[in-house]
Amino acid sequence: MNEATQKTYMLVHSGAREENAPDPCEVGTAEKSNVELLDAYSRAVTTVVDAVGPAVVGISSGPESKNAGPDEGGDGSGVIFAPDGYVLTNDHVVHGSKRLIVSLTNGTTLAATMVGTDPATDLAVIRADAANLPFATFGESASLRVGQLVIAIGNPFGFQSTVSTGVVSALGRALRSRGGRLIENIIQHTAPLNPGNSGGPLVDSRGRIVGLNTAIIMGAQGIGFAIPSDTAKWVVPQLITLGRIRRGHLGIAAQQRPLTRRTARFFALTQASAVEVLSITRNGPAAMGGIRKGDLIVAMNGGRDRGPTPEISRGLAHRPAGQRIRAPRAGAS
């Protein structure tokens, strides 16, 4: 080995270089504080993935068939939320399926059965045939803030623990499902998603489920949507006990809308937002009660609405059909 080759070998092997040699292309001491921040960010993400990853599953669904293999049918993701095999996923991932297979990150495949579905929120619960499984816990989506770090984890098409990161970019969005139904109170985030990530969890920096990834806009980068965990915590118990959601019906589609100071002062309102009526079902309860498209609903039976649609969506579900509800509005926009 000649002298030049030996110097190169030492440089590659141990980083040793001659005294007058030029500096390498690397981050200097002055910039290391920024690098340390990135390293801390990376450690935070890997810690969350290590903790939550085992609870994220792949789901294969399809028509019942003796000859069907585990990879046939629609593929999506899900998250185990109870050790006795309960899995939360999207309704559109498992809707109409007679045969369900759950794939764990350790390669184990388990047969699963349908527990209940709710197309109105695109949520479904299935149960894997196993016990003592790793599981994730629900966080509070109401505490999310725009700009907050979130991590999307999925198990699409057999690629275990597919991870992407981003931030919450908007709250209180409305999104139409594949069946045309408007899903309200959606989280918009920038974590890149693939089609097979549907049903996978959106988690915060503590590894708690704050949303369930449900859709992307094809052709648009950095726009993903998730069903909030607070919605899931309301839906899941009913799916487990009843297999479906029993809810009242107003016959409107709505979304959150901030109130201007002028509007709030004019109507003597103390809240920062209202529920904007986007569309009305013809001859539905709201239409018959005089609600119009563009109205801003600010209260229901005297209870102030401080979120996107909590009083409407949750309150109606616990009221018997046919009961009258007062819904004062701030007038048409």
C-alpha atoms as a PDB file:
ATOM      1  CA  MET A   1       0.000   0.000   0.000  1.00  0.00           C
ATOM      2  CA  ASN A   2       1.577   3.317  -1.061  1.00  0.00           C
ATOM      3  CA  GLU A   3       1.601   6.436   1.126  1.00  0.00           C
ATOM      4  CA  ALA A   4      -1.397   8.140  -0.546  1.00  0.00           C
ATOM      5  CA  THR A   5      -3.491   5.001  -0.317  1.00  0.00           C
ATOM      6  CA  GLN A   6      -2.504   4.562   3.322  1.00  0.00           C
ATOM      7  CA  LYS A   7      -3.613   8.134   4.141  1.00  0.00           C
ATOM      8  CA  THR A   8      -6.960   7.526   2.455  1.00  0.00           C
ATOM      9  CA  TYR A   9      -7.359   4.255   4.333  1.00  0.00           C
ATOM     10  CA  MET A  10      -6.689   5.950   7.685  1.00  0.00           C
ATOM     11  CA  LEU A  11      -9.097   8.754   6.839  1.00  0.00           C
ATOM     12  CA  VAL A  12     -11.915   6.332   6.017  1.00  0.00           C
ATOM     13  CA  HIS A  13     -11.164   3.911   8.848  1.00  0.00           C
ATOM     14  CA  SER A  14     -10.549   6.277  11.780  1.00  0.00           C
ATOM     15  CA  GLY A  15     -11.095   9.817  10.501  1.00  0.00           C
ATOM     16  CA  ALA A  16      -7.411  10.668  10.989  1.00  0.00           C
ATOM     17  CA  ARG A  17      -6.049  13.260   8.576  1.00  0.00           C
ATOM     18  CA  GLU A  18      -2.935  15.339   8.134  1.00  0.00           C
ATOM     19  CA  GLU A  19      -2.494  18.544  10.112  1.00  0.00           C
ATOM     20  CA  ASN A  20      -2.731  20.854   7.096  1.00  0.00           C
ATOM     21  CA  ALA A  21      -5.438  18.869   5.316  1.00  0.00           C
ATOM     22  CA  PRO A  22      -8.633  20.765   4.380  1.00  0.00           C
ATOM     23  CA  ASP A  23     -11.668  20.446   6.643  1.00  0.00           C
ATOM     24  CA  PRO A  24     -14.254  17.842   5.662  1.00  0.00           C
ATOM     25  CA  CYS A  25     -17.732  18.769   4.484  1.00  0.00           C
ATOM     26  CA  GLU A  26     -19.604  18.342   7.766  1.00  0.00           C
ATOM     27  CA  VAL A  27     -21.475  20.384  10.341  1.00  0.00           C
ATOM     28  CA  GLY A  28     -19.192  22.568  12.411  1.00  0.00           C
ATOM     29  CA  THR A  29     -19.209  23.158  16.142  1.00  0.00           C
ATOM     30  CA  ALA A  30     -21.178  26.395  15.853  1.00  0.00           C
ATOM     31  CA  GLU A  31     -24.079  24.655  14.125  1.00  0.00           C
ATOM     32  CA  LYS A  32     -24.188  21.565  16.352  1.00  0.00           C
ATOM     33  CA  SER A  33     -26.954  22.979  18.536  1.00  0.00           C
ATOM     34  CA  ASN A  34     -29.324  22.875  15.577  1.00  0.00           C
ATOM     35  CA  VAL A  35     -28.239  19.350  14.756  1.00  0.00           C
ATOM     36  CA  GLU A  36     -28.854  18.311  18.352  1.00  0.00           C
ATOM     37  CA  LEU A  37     -32.414  19.576  18.018  1.00  0.00           C
ATOM     38  CA  LEU A  38     -32.902  17.404  14.948  1.00  0.00           C
ATOM     39  CA  ASP A  39     -31.380  14.453  16.776  1.00  0.00           C
ATOM     40  CA  ALA A  40     -33.818  15.013  19.651  1.00  0.00           C
ATOM     41  CA  TYR A  41     -36.679  15.140  17.141  1.00  0.00           C
ATOM     42  CA  SER A  42     -35.510  11.869  15.585  1.00  0.00           C
ATOM     43  CA  ARG A  43     -35.239  10.211  18.986  1.00  0.00           C
ATOM     44  CA  ALA A  44     -38.754  11.366  19.862  1.00  0.00           C
ATOM     45  CA  VAL A  45     -40.165   9.850  16.678  1.00  0.00           C
ATOM     46  CA  THR A  46     -38.289   6.554  17.019  1.00  0.00           C
ATOM     47  CA  THR A  47     -39.343   6.270  20.662  1.00  0.00           C
ATOM     48  CA  VAL A  48     -42.997   6.710  19.709  1.00  0.00           C
ATOM     49  CA  VAL A  49     -42.741   4.221  16.836  1.00  0.00           C
ATOM     50  CA  ASP A  50     -41.032   1.632  19.052  1.00  0.00           C
ATOM     51  CA  ALA A  51     -43.810   2.006  21.614  1.00  0.00           C
ATOM     52  CA  VAL A  52     -46.880   2.157  19.360  1.00  0.00           C
ATOM     53  CA  GLY A  53     -45.702   0.164  16.338  1.00  0.00           C
ATOM     54  CA  PRO A  54     -46.550  -3.295  17.748  1.00  0.00           C
ATOM     55  CA  ALA A  55     -50.185  -2.198  18.206  1.00  0.00           C
ATOM     56  CA  VAL A  56     -50.544  -1.216  14.517  1.00  0.00           C
ATOM     57  CA  VAL A  57     -51.840  -3.985  12.273  1.00  0.00           C
ATOM     58  CA  GLY A  58     -52.472  -4.683   8.631  1.00  0.00           C
ATOM     59  CA  ILE A  59     -55.971  -5.713   7.618  1.00  0.00           C
ATOM     60  CA  SER A  60     -56.849  -7.871   4.624  1.00  0.00           C
ATOM     61  CA  SER A  61     -60.500  -8.041   3.725  1.00  0.00           C
ATOM     62  CA  GLY A  62     -62.496  -9.552   0.950  1.00  0.00           C
ATOM     63  CA  PRO A  63     -65.402 -11.823   0.046  1.00  0.00           C
ATOM     64  CA  GLU A  64     -65.617 -15.156   1.800  1.00  0.00           C
ATOM     65  CA  SER A  65     -63.878 -17.793  -0.309  1.00  0.00           C
ATOM     66  CA  LYS A  66     -62.238 -21.135   0.447  1.00  0.00           C
ATOM     67  CA  ASN A  67     -59.530 -20.447  -2.124  1.00  0.00           C
ATOM     68  CA  ALA A  68     -58.840 -16.844  -1.166  1.00  0.00           C
ATOM     69  CA  GLY A  69     -55.348 -16.132   0.112  1.00  0.00           C
ATOM     70  CA  PRO A  70     -54.515 -13.695   2.903  1.00  0.00           C
ATOM     71  CA  ASP A  71     -53.334 -11.025   0.463  1.00  0.00           C
ATOM     72  CA  GLU A  72     -56.501 -10.955  -1.633  1.00  0.00           C
ATOM     73  CA  GLY A  73     -59.154  -8.310  -1.117  1.00  0.00           C
ATOM     74  CA  GLY A  74     -58.851  -4.738   0.120  1.00  0.00           C
ATOM     75  CA  ASP A  75     -55.854  -3.840   2.288  1.00  0.00           C
ATOM     76  CA  GLY A  76     -55.681  -1.238   5.007  1.00  0.00           C
ATOM     77  CA  SER A  77     -54.399  -0.638   8.515  1.00  0.00           C
ATOM     78  CA  GLY A  78     -55.792  -0.623  12.020  1.00  0.00           C
ATOM     79  CA  VAL A  79     -54.757  -0.149  15.628  1.00  0.00           C
ATOM     80  CA  ILE A  80     -55.342  -2.470  18.578  1.00  0.00           C
ATOM     81  CA  PHE A  81     -56.914  -0.477  21.411  1.00  0.00           C
ATOM     82  CA  ALA A  82     -57.623  -3.305  23.883  1.00  0.00           C
ATOM     83  CA  PRO A  83     -55.481  -6.362  24.734  1.00  0.00           C
ATOM     84  CA  ASP A  84     -58.333  -8.784  24.009  1.00  0.00           C
ATOM     85  CA  GLY A  85     -58.080  -8.161  20.280  1.00  0.00           C
ATOM     86  CA  TYR A  86     -60.317  -5.156  19.585  1.00  0.00           C
ATOM     87  CA  VAL A  87     -59.043  -3.245  16.550  1.00  0.00           C
ATOM     88  CA  LEU A  88     -60.147   0.190  15.361  1.00  0.00           C
ATOM     89  CA  THR A  89     -60.054   0.871  11.627  1.00  0.00           C
ATOM     90  CA  ASN A  90     -61.986   2.657   8.878  1.00  0.00           C
ATOM     91  CA  ASP A  91     -65.430   1.535   7.801  1.00  0.00           C
ATOM     92  CA  HIS A  92     -64.354   1.777   4.165  1.00  0.00           C
ATOM     93  CA  VAL A  93     -61.500  -0.691   4.816  1.00  0.00           C
ATOM     94  CA  VAL A  94     -63.762  -3.499   6.059  1.00  0.00           C
ATOM     95  CA  HIS A  95     -67.248  -2.534   4.863  1.00  0.00           C
ATOM     96  CA  GLY A  96     -69.149  -5.512   3.495  1.00  0.00           C
ATOM     97  CA  SER A  97     -66.303  -7.964   4.123  1.00  0.00           C
ATOM     98  CA  LYS A  98     -67.118 -11.526   5.166  1.00  0.00           C
ATOM     99  CA  ARG A  99     -63.517 -12.513   5.751  1.00  0.00           C
ATOM    100  CA  LEU A 100     -60.970 -10.528   7.741  1.00  0.00           C
ATOM    101  CA  ILE A 101     -57.296 -11.239   8.419  1.00  0.00           C
ATOM    102  CA  VAL A 102     -55.206  -9.153  10.837  1.00  0.00           C
ATOM    103  CA  SER A 103     -51.422  -9.106  10.425  1.00  0.00           C
ATOM    104  CA  LEU A 104     -49.227  -8.195  13.404  1.00  0.00           C
ATOM    105  CA  THR A 105     -45.792  -6.615  13.134  1.00  0.00           C
ATOM    106  CA  ASN A 106     -44.148  -9.876  14.283  1.00  0.00           C
ATOM    107  CA  GLY A 107     -45.523 -11.656  11.220  1.00  0.00           C
ATOM    108  CA  THR A 108     -48.416 -13.384  12.987  1.00  0.00           C
ATOM    109  CA  THR A 109     -51.730 -13.476  11.109  1.00  0.00           C
ATOM    110  CA  LEU A 110     -55.017 -13.777  12.964  1.00  0.00           C
ATOM    111  CA  ALA A 111     -58.585 -14.327  11.843  1.00  0.00           C
ATOM    112  CA  ALA A 112     -60.893 -11.493  12.840  1.00  0.00           C
ATOM    113  CA  THR A 113     -64.625 -10.899  13.031  1.00  0.00           C
ATOM    114  CA  MET A 114     -66.707  -7.781  12.490  1.00  0.00           C
ATOM    115  CA  VAL A 115     -67.944  -6.087  15.669  1.00  0.00           C
ATOM    116  CA  GLY A 116     -69.604  -2.972  14.298  1.00  0.00           C
ATOM    117  CA  THR A 117     -69.333  -0.183  11.727  1.00  0.00           C
ATOM    118  CA  ASP A 118     -70.381   3.449  11.494  1.00  0.00           C
ATOM    119  CA  PRO A 119     -70.250   4.823   7.929  1.00  0.00           C
ATOM    120  CA  ALA A 120     -71.216   8.279   9.213  1.00  0.00           C
ATOM    121  CA  THR A 121     -67.792   8.637  10.862  1.00  0.00           C
ATOM    122  CA  ASP A 122     -65.938   6.081   8.689  1.00  0.00           C
ATOM    123  CA  LEU A 123     -65.066   4.067  11.800  1.00  0.00           C
ATOM    124  CA  ALA A 124     -65.291   0.339  12.410  1.00  0.00           C
ATOM    125  CA  VAL A 125     -64.317  -2.101  15.139  1.00  0.00           C
ATOM    126  CA  ILE A 126     -63.196  -5.652  14.435  1.00  0.00           C
ATOM    127  CA  ARG A 127     -61.899  -8.277  16.847  1.00  0.00           C
ATOM    128  CA  ALA A 128     -58.850 -10.456  16.264  1.00  0.00           C
ATOM    129  CA  ASP A 129     -58.940 -14.002  17.586  1.00  0.00           C
ATOM    130  CA  ALA A 130     -56.252 -13.582  20.264  1.00  0.00           C
ATOM    131  CA  ALA A 131     -55.624 -12.194  23.738  1.00  0.00           C
ATOM    132  CA  ASN A 132     -52.866 -10.335  25.570  1.00  0.00           C
ATOM    133  CA  LEU A 133     -52.034  -8.304  22.470  1.00  0.00           C
ATOM    134  CA  PRO A 134     -50.041  -5.054  22.510  1.00  0.00           C
ATOM    135  CA  PHE A 135     -52.396  -2.080  22.428  1.00  0.00           C
ATOM    136  CA  ALA A 136     -52.349   1.705  22.170  1.00  0.00           C
ATOM    137  CA  THR A 137     -54.310   4.220  24.238  1.00  0.00           C
ATOM    138  CA  PHE A 138     -56.543   7.098  23.175  1.00  0.00           C
ATOM    139  CA  GLY A 139     -55.494  10.697  23.691  1.00  0.00           C
ATOM    140  CA  GLU A 140     -57.634  13.833  23.607  1.00  0.00           C
ATOM    141  CA  SER A 141     -57.982  15.299  20.133  1.00  0.00           C
ATOM    142  CA  ALA A 142     -59.688  18.355  21.641  1.00  0.00           C
ATOM    143  CA  SER A 143     -56.299  19.402  23.023  1.00  0.00           C
ATOM    144  CA  LEU A 144     -54.632  19.411  19.578  1.00  0.00           C
ATOM    145  CA  ARG A 145     -53.291  22.696  18.268  1.00  0.00           C
ATOM    146  CA  VAL A 146     -52.448  23.759  14.735  1.00  0.00           C
ATOM    147  CA  GLY A 147     -48.714  23.252  14.259  1.00  0.00           C
ATOM    148  CA  GLN A 148     -48.469  20.364  16.732  1.00  0.00           C
ATOM    149  CA  LEU A 149     -46.262  17.405  15.777  1.00  0.00           C
ATOM    150  CA  VAL A 150     -48.145  14.235  14.805  1.00  0.00           C
ATOM    151  CA  ILE A 151     -46.957  10.847  13.591  1.00  0.00           C
ATOM    152  CA  ALA A 152     -48.889   8.606  11.195  1.00  0.00           C
ATOM    153  CA  ILE A 153     -48.232   4.857  11.477  1.00  0.00           C
ATOM    154  CA  GLY A 154     -49.653   2.233   9.164  1.00  0.00           C
ATOM    155  CA  ASN A 155     -49.186  -1.333   8.024  1.00  0.00           C
ATOM    156  CA  PRO A 156     -50.160  -1.075   4.348  1.00  0.00           C
ATOM    157  CA  PHE A 157     -49.824  -3.979   1.925  1.00  0.00           C
ATOM    158  CA  GLY A 158     -47.588  -5.917   4.334  1.00  0.00           C
ATOM    159  CA  PHE A 159     -45.044  -3.107   4.817  1.00  0.00           C
ATOM    160  CA  GLN A 160     -44.870  -3.124   8.598  1.00  0.00           C
ATOM    161  CA  SER A 161     -44.780   0.069  10.654  1.00  0.00           C
ATOM    162  CA  THR A 162     -44.753   2.532   7.764  1.00  0.00           C
ATOM    163  CA  VAL A 163     -44.100   5.879   9.451  1.00  0.00           C
ATOM    164  CA  SER A 164     -44.466   9.498   8.379  1.00  0.00           C
ATOM    165  CA  THR A 165     -44.403  12.704  10.384  1.00  0.00           C
ATOM    166  CA  GLY A 166     -46.015  16.097  10.025  1.00  0.00           C
ATOM    167  CA  VAL A 167     -47.982  18.707  11.895  1.00  0.00           C
ATOM    168  CA  VAL A 168     -51.644  19.457  12.462  1.00  0.00           C
ATOM    169  CA  SER A 169     -52.478  21.947   9.729  1.00  0.00           C
ATOM    170  CA  ALA A 170     -56.194  22.527  10.441  1.00  0.00           C
ATOM    171  CA  LEU A 171     -58.977  21.416  12.775  1.00  0.00           C
ATOM    172  CA  GLY A 172     -62.734  21.121  12.318  1.00  0.00           C
ATOM    173  CA  ARG A 173     -62.631  20.248   8.618  1.00  0.00           C
ATOM    174  CA  ALA A 174     -65.487  18.506   6.796  1.00  0.00           C
ATOM    175  CA  LEU A 175     -64.836  15.747   4.264  1.00  0.00           C
ATOM    176  CA  ARG A 176     -67.110  13.690   2.054  1.00  0.00           C
ATOM    177  CA  SER A 177     -66.764   9.938   2.379  1.00  0.00           C
ATOM    178  CA  ARG A 178     -66.613   7.581  -0.580  1.00  0.00           C
ATOM    179  CA  GLY A 179     -70.350   7.095  -0.248  1.00  0.00           C
ATOM    180  CA  GLY A 180     -70.964  10.844  -0.469  1.00  0.00           C
ATOM    181  CA  ARG A 181     -71.752  11.359   3.226  1.00  0.00           C
ATOM    182  CA  LEU A 182     -70.169  14.442   4.811  1.00  0.00           C
ATOM    183  CA  ILE A 183     -67.911  13.536   7.744  1.00  0.00           C
ATOM    184  CA  GLU A 184     -67.517  16.431  10.148  1.00  0.00           C
ATOM    185  CA  ASN A 185     -64.855  17.596  12.617  1.00  0.00           C
ATOM    186  CA  ILE A 186     -61.906  16.167  10.676  1.00  0.00           C
ATOM    187  CA  ILE A 187     -58.222  16.721  11.541  1.00  0.00           C
ATOM    188  CA  GLN A 188     -56.110  17.897   8.609  1.00  0.00           C
ATOM    189  CA  HIS A 189     -52.388  17.167   8.850  1.00  0.00           C
ATOM    190  CA  THR A 190     -49.234  17.132   6.735  1.00  0.00           C
ATOM    191  CA  ALA A 191     -47.946  13.605   7.471  1.00  0.00           C
ATOM    192  CA  PRO A 192     -47.725  11.893   4.041  1.00  0.00           C
ATOM    193  CA  LEU A 193     -50.152   8.986   3.642  1.00  0.00           C
ATOM    194  CA  ASN A 194     -50.538   6.146   1.173  1.00  0.00           C
ATOM    195  CA  PRO A 195     -53.859   4.435   0.368  1.00  0.00           C
ATOM    196  CA  GLY A 196     -52.966   1.444   2.580  1.00  0.00           C
ATOM    197  CA  ASN A 197     -52.510   3.742   5.585  1.00  0.00           C
ATOM    198  CA  SER A 198     -56.286   4.107   5.927  1.00  0.00           C
ATOM    199  CA  GLY A 199     -57.285   2.963   9.408  1.00  0.00           C
ATOM    200  CA  GLY A 200     -53.836   3.496  10.905  1.00  0.00           C
ATOM    201  CA  PRO A 201     -53.413   5.736  13.947  1.00  0.00           C
ATOM    202  CA  LEU A 202     -52.315   9.344  14.055  1.00  0.00           C
ATOM    203  CA  VAL A 203     -50.436   9.711  17.344  1.00  0.00           C
ATOM    204  CA  ASP A 204     -48.931  12.545  19.357  1.00  0.00           C
ATOM    205  CA  SER A 205     -45.437  12.801  20.817  1.00  0.00           C
ATOM    206  CA  ARG A 206     -46.478  10.638  23.780  1.00  0.00           C
ATOM    207  CA  GLY A 207     -47.702   7.833  21.556  1.00  0.00           C
ATOM    208  CA  ARG A 208     -51.392   8.376  22.250  1.00  0.00           C
ATOM    209  CA  ILE A 209     -53.969   7.975  19.490  1.00  0.00           C
ATOM    210  CA  VAL A 210     -55.286  11.433  18.577  1.00  0.00           C
ATOM    211  CA  GLY A 211     -56.819  10.451  15.237  1.00  0.00           C
ATOM    212  CA  LEU A 212     -57.472   7.656  12.778  1.00  0.00           C
ATOM    213  CA  ASN A 213     -56.174   8.302   9.273  1.00  0.00           C
ATOM    214  CA  THR A 214     -59.017   8.108   6.812  1.00  0.00           C
ATOM    215  CA  ALA A 215     -58.208   9.796   3.490  1.00  0.00           C
ATOM    216  CA  ILE A 216     -55.825  11.702   1.279  1.00  0.00           C
ATOM    217  CA  ILE A 217     -56.372  14.023  -1.655  1.00  0.00           C
ATOM    218  CA  MET A 218     -54.854  12.289  -4.652  1.00  0.00           C
ATOM    219  CA  GLY A 219     -52.425  14.545  -6.502  1.00  0.00           C
ATOM    220  CA  ALA A 220     -52.006  16.906  -3.544  1.00  0.00           C
ATOM    221  CA  GLN A 221     -48.946  16.636  -1.326  1.00  0.00           C
ATOM    222  CA  GLY A 222     -49.067  17.221   2.407  1.00  0.00           C
ATOM    223  CA  ILE A 223     -52.846  16.984   2.800  1.00  0.00           C
ATOM    224  CA  GLY A 224     -54.086  14.096   4.917  1.00  0.00           C
ATOM    225  CA  PHE A 225     -57.171  13.678   7.071  1.00  0.00           C
ATOM    226  CA  ALA A 226     -57.931  11.816  10.281  1.00  0.00           C
ATOM    227  CA  ILE A 227     -61.029  11.127  12.382  1.00  0.00           C
ATOM    228  CA  PRO A 228     -60.446  12.674  15.842  1.00  0.00           C
ATOM    229  CA  SER A 229     -59.879  10.347  18.787  1.00  0.00           C
ATOM    230  CA  ASP A 230     -62.645  12.079  20.756  1.00  0.00           C
ATOM    231  CA  THR A 231     -65.086  10.974  18.058  1.00  0.00           C
ATOM    232  CA  ALA A 232     -63.689   7.442  18.210  1.00  0.00           C
ATOM    233  CA  LYS A 233     -64.038   7.330  22.009  1.00  0.00           C
ATOM    234  CA  TRP A 234     -67.714   8.200  21.604  1.00  0.00           C
ATOM    235  CA  VAL A 235     -68.339   5.743  18.742  1.00  0.00           C
ATOM    236  CA  VAL A 236     -66.355   2.689  19.903  1.00  0.00           C
ATOM    237  CA  PRO A 237     -68.373   1.797  23.051  1.00  0.00           C
ATOM    238  CA  GLN A 238     -71.607   1.799  21.050  1.00  0.00           C
ATOM    239  CA  LEU A 239     -70.092  -0.342  18.297  1.00  0.00           C
ATOM    240  CA  ILE A 240     -68.913  -2.863  20.881  1.00  0.00           C
ATOM    241  CA  THR A 241     -72.263  -3.045  22.679  1.00  0.00           C
ATOM    242  CA  LEU A 242     -74.744  -2.478  19.822  1.00  0.00           C
ATOM    243  CA  GLY A 243     -72.774  -3.034  16.622  1.00  0.00           C
ATOM    244  CA  ARG A 244     -73.979   0.299  15.278  1.00  0.00           C
ATOM    245  CA  ILE A 245     -74.622   3.904  16.304  1.00  0.00           C
ATOM    246  CA  ARG A 246     -78.085   5.030  17.315  1.00  0.00           C
ATOM    247  CA  ARG A 247     -78.202   8.751  16.725  1.00  0.00           C
ATOM    248  CA  GLY A 248     -80.786  11.448  16.253  1.00  0.00           C
ATOM    249  CA  HIS A 249     -81.026  13.157  12.906  1.00  0.00           C
ATOM    250  CA  LEU A 250     -81.287  16.859  12.093  1.00  0.00           C
ATOM    251  CA  GLY A 251     -80.807  16.549   8.355  1.00  0.00           C
ATOM    252  CA  ILE A 252     -77.890  18.961   8.003  1.00  0.00           C
ATOM    253  CA  ALA A 253     -74.222  18.839   7.089  1.00  0.00           C
ATOM    254  CA  ALA A 254     -72.146  21.318   9.076  1.00  0.00           C
ATOM    255  CA  GLN A 255     -68.654  22.429   9.943  1.00  0.00           C
ATOM    256  CA  GLN A 256     -66.937  24.744  12.401  1.00  0.00           C
ATOM    257  CA  ARG A 257     -66.674  28.405  11.464  1.00  0.00           C
ATOM    258  CA  PRO A 258     -64.897  31.135  13.456  1.00  0.00           C
ATOM    259  CA  LEU A 259     -67.074  34.080  14.440  1.00  0.00           C
ATOM    260  CA  THR A 260     -65.931  37.567  13.599  1.00  0.00           C
ATOM    261  CA  ARG A 261     -65.847  40.076  16.430  1.00  0.00           C
ATOM    262  CA  ARG A 262     -68.535  42.088  14.685  1.00  0.00           C
ATOM    263  CA  THR A 263     -70.885  39.083  14.515  1.00  0.00           C
ATOM    264  CA  ALA A 264     -70.179  38.100  18.113  1.00  0.00           C
ATOM    265  CA  ARG A 265     -70.885  41.627  19.365  1.00  0.00           C
ATOM    266  CA  PHE A 266     -74.038  42.022  17.278  1.00  0.00           C
ATOM    267  CA  PHE A 267     -75.585  38.811  18.640  1.00  0.00           C
ATOM    268  CA  ALA A 268     -74.041  39.185  22.154  1.00  0.00           C
ATOM    269  CA  LEU A 269     -72.093  35.926  21.848  1.00  0.00           C
ATOM    270  CA  THR A 270     -69.137  34.967  24.030  1.00  0.00           C
ATOM    271  CA  GLN A 271     -67.895  31.990  22.003  1.00  0.00           C
ATOM    272  CA  ALA A 272     -65.252  32.105  19.274  1.00  0.00           C
ATOM    273  CA  SER A 273     -66.931  29.756  16.787  1.00  0.00           C
ATOM    274  CA  ALA A 274     -70.273  28.443  15.609  1.00  0.00           C
ATOM    275  CA  VAL A 275     -71.598  25.567  13.522  1.00  0.00           C
ATOM    276  CA  GLU A 276     -72.135  26.617   9.915  1.00  0.00           C
ATOM    277  CA  VAL A 277     -74.877  24.797   8.003  1.00  0.00           C
ATOM    278  CA  LEU A 278     -73.422  23.629   4.673  1.00  0.00           C
ATOM    279  CA  SER A 279     -76.412  21.726   3.301  1.00  0.00           C
ATOM    280  CA  ILE A 280     -79.876  20.615   4.365  1.00  0.00           C
ATOM    281  CA  THR A 281     -81.747  17.399   3.676  1.00  0.00           C
ATOM    282  CA  ARG A 282     -84.938  18.151   1.809  1.00  0.00           C
ATOM    283  CA  ASN A 283     -88.006  17.688   4.044  1.00  0.00           C
ATOM    284  CA  GLY A 284     -85.720  16.792   6.956  1.00  0.00           C
ATOM    285  CA  PRO A 285     -86.193  17.963  10.561  1.00  0.00           C
ATOM    286  CA  ALA A 286     -83.945  21.029  10.132  1.00  0.00           C
ATOM    287  CA  ALA A 287     -85.650  22.085   6.913  1.00  0.00           C
ATOM    288  CA  MET A 288     -89.082  21.744   8.502  1.00  0.00           C
ATOM    289  CA  GLY A 289     -87.867  23.737  11.513  1.00  0.00           C
ATOM    290  CA  GLY A 290     -86.762  26.690   9.381  1.00  0.00           C
ATOM    291  CA  ILE A 291     -82.978  26.143   9.343  1.00  0.00           C
ATOM    292  CA  ARG A 292     -81.408  27.433   6.115  1.00  0.00           C
ATOM    293  CA  LYS A 293     -78.125  26.862   4.353  1.00  0.00           C
ATOM    294  CA  GLY A 294     -75.556  29.334   5.631  1.00  0.00           C
ATOM    295  CA  ASP A 295     -77.085  29.653   9.110  1.00  0.00           C
ATOM    296  CA  LEU A 296     -74.690  29.670  12.060  1.00  0.00           C
ATOM    297  CA  ILE A 297     -75.962  27.535  14.930  1.00  0.00           C
ATOM    298  CA  VAL A 298     -74.617  28.880  18.221  1.00  0.00           C
ATOM    299  CA  ALA A 299     -76.484  26.807  20.817  1.00  0.00           C
ATOM    300  CA  MET A 300     -78.656  23.743  21.256  1.00  0.00           C
ATOM    301  CA  ASN A 301     -81.276  23.663  23.984  1.00  0.00           C
ATOM    302  CA  GLY A 302     -79.434  26.418  25.793  1.00  0.00           C
ATOM    303  CA  GLY A 303     -76.020  24.704  25.736  1.00  0.00           C
ATOM    304  CA  ARG A 304     -73.249  26.772  24.166  1.00  0.00           C
ATOM    305  CA  ASP A 305     -71.336  25.028  21.384  1.00  0.00           C
ATOM    306  CA  ARG A 306     -67.607  25.688  21.820  1.00  0.00           C
ATOM    307  CA  GLY A 307     -66.270  23.107  19.356  1.00  0.00           C
ATOM    308  CA  PRO A 308     -66.919  22.131  15.747  1.00  0.00           C
ATOM    309  CA  THR A 309     -70.099  20.079  16.356  1.00  0.00           C
ATOM    310  CA  PRO A 310     -69.953  18.410  19.788  1.00  0.00           C
ATOM    311  CA  GLU A 311     -73.383  19.478  21.011  1.00  0.00           C
ATOM    312  CA  ILE A 312     -75.035  18.552  17.740  1.00  0.00           C
ATOM    313  CA  SER A 313     -73.360  15.230  16.970  1.00  0.00           C
ATOM    314  CA  ARG A 314     -73.074  13.919  20.515  1.00  0.00           C
ATOM    315  CA  GLY A 315     -76.183  15.524  21.960  1.00  0.00           C
ATOM    316  CA  LEU A 316     -78.466  14.179  19.255  1.00  0.00           C
ATOM    317  CA  ALA A 317     -77.163  10.646  19.708  1.00  0.00           C
ATOM    318  CA  HIS A 318     -78.496  10.560  23.261  1.00  0.00           C
ATOM    319  CA  ARG A 319     -81.891  12.044  22.482  1.00  0.00           C
ATOM    320  CA  PRO A 320     -84.863   9.919  21.464  1.00  0.00           C
ATOM    321  CA  ALA A 321     -86.131  10.327  17.915  1.00  0.00           C
ATOM    322  CA  GLY A 322     -89.017  12.765  17.644  1.00  0.00           C
ATOM    323  CA  GLN A 323     -87.942  15.013  20.502  1.00  0.00           C
ATOM    324  CA  ARG A 324     -87.955  18.728  19.688  1.00  0.00           C
ATOM    325  CA  ILE A 325     -84.656  20.582  19.948  1.00  0.00           C
ATOM    326  CA  ARG A 326     -84.175  24.339  20.096  1.00  0.00           C
ATOM    327  CA  ALA A 327     -81.220  25.457  17.961  1.00  0.00           C
ATOM    328  CA  PRO A 328     -80.851  29.275  18.040  1.00  0.00           C
ATOM    329  CA  ARG A 329     -78.883  30.606  15.097  1.00  0.00           C
ATOM    330  CA  ALA A 330     -76.906  33.743  14.444  1.00  0.00           C
ATOM    331  CA  GLY A 331     -78.615  34.320  11.133  1.00  0.00           C
ATOM    332  CA  ALA A 332     -77.631  33.561   7.568  1.00  0.00           C
ATOM    333  CA  SER A 333     -74.080  34.290   6.517  1.00  0.00           C
END
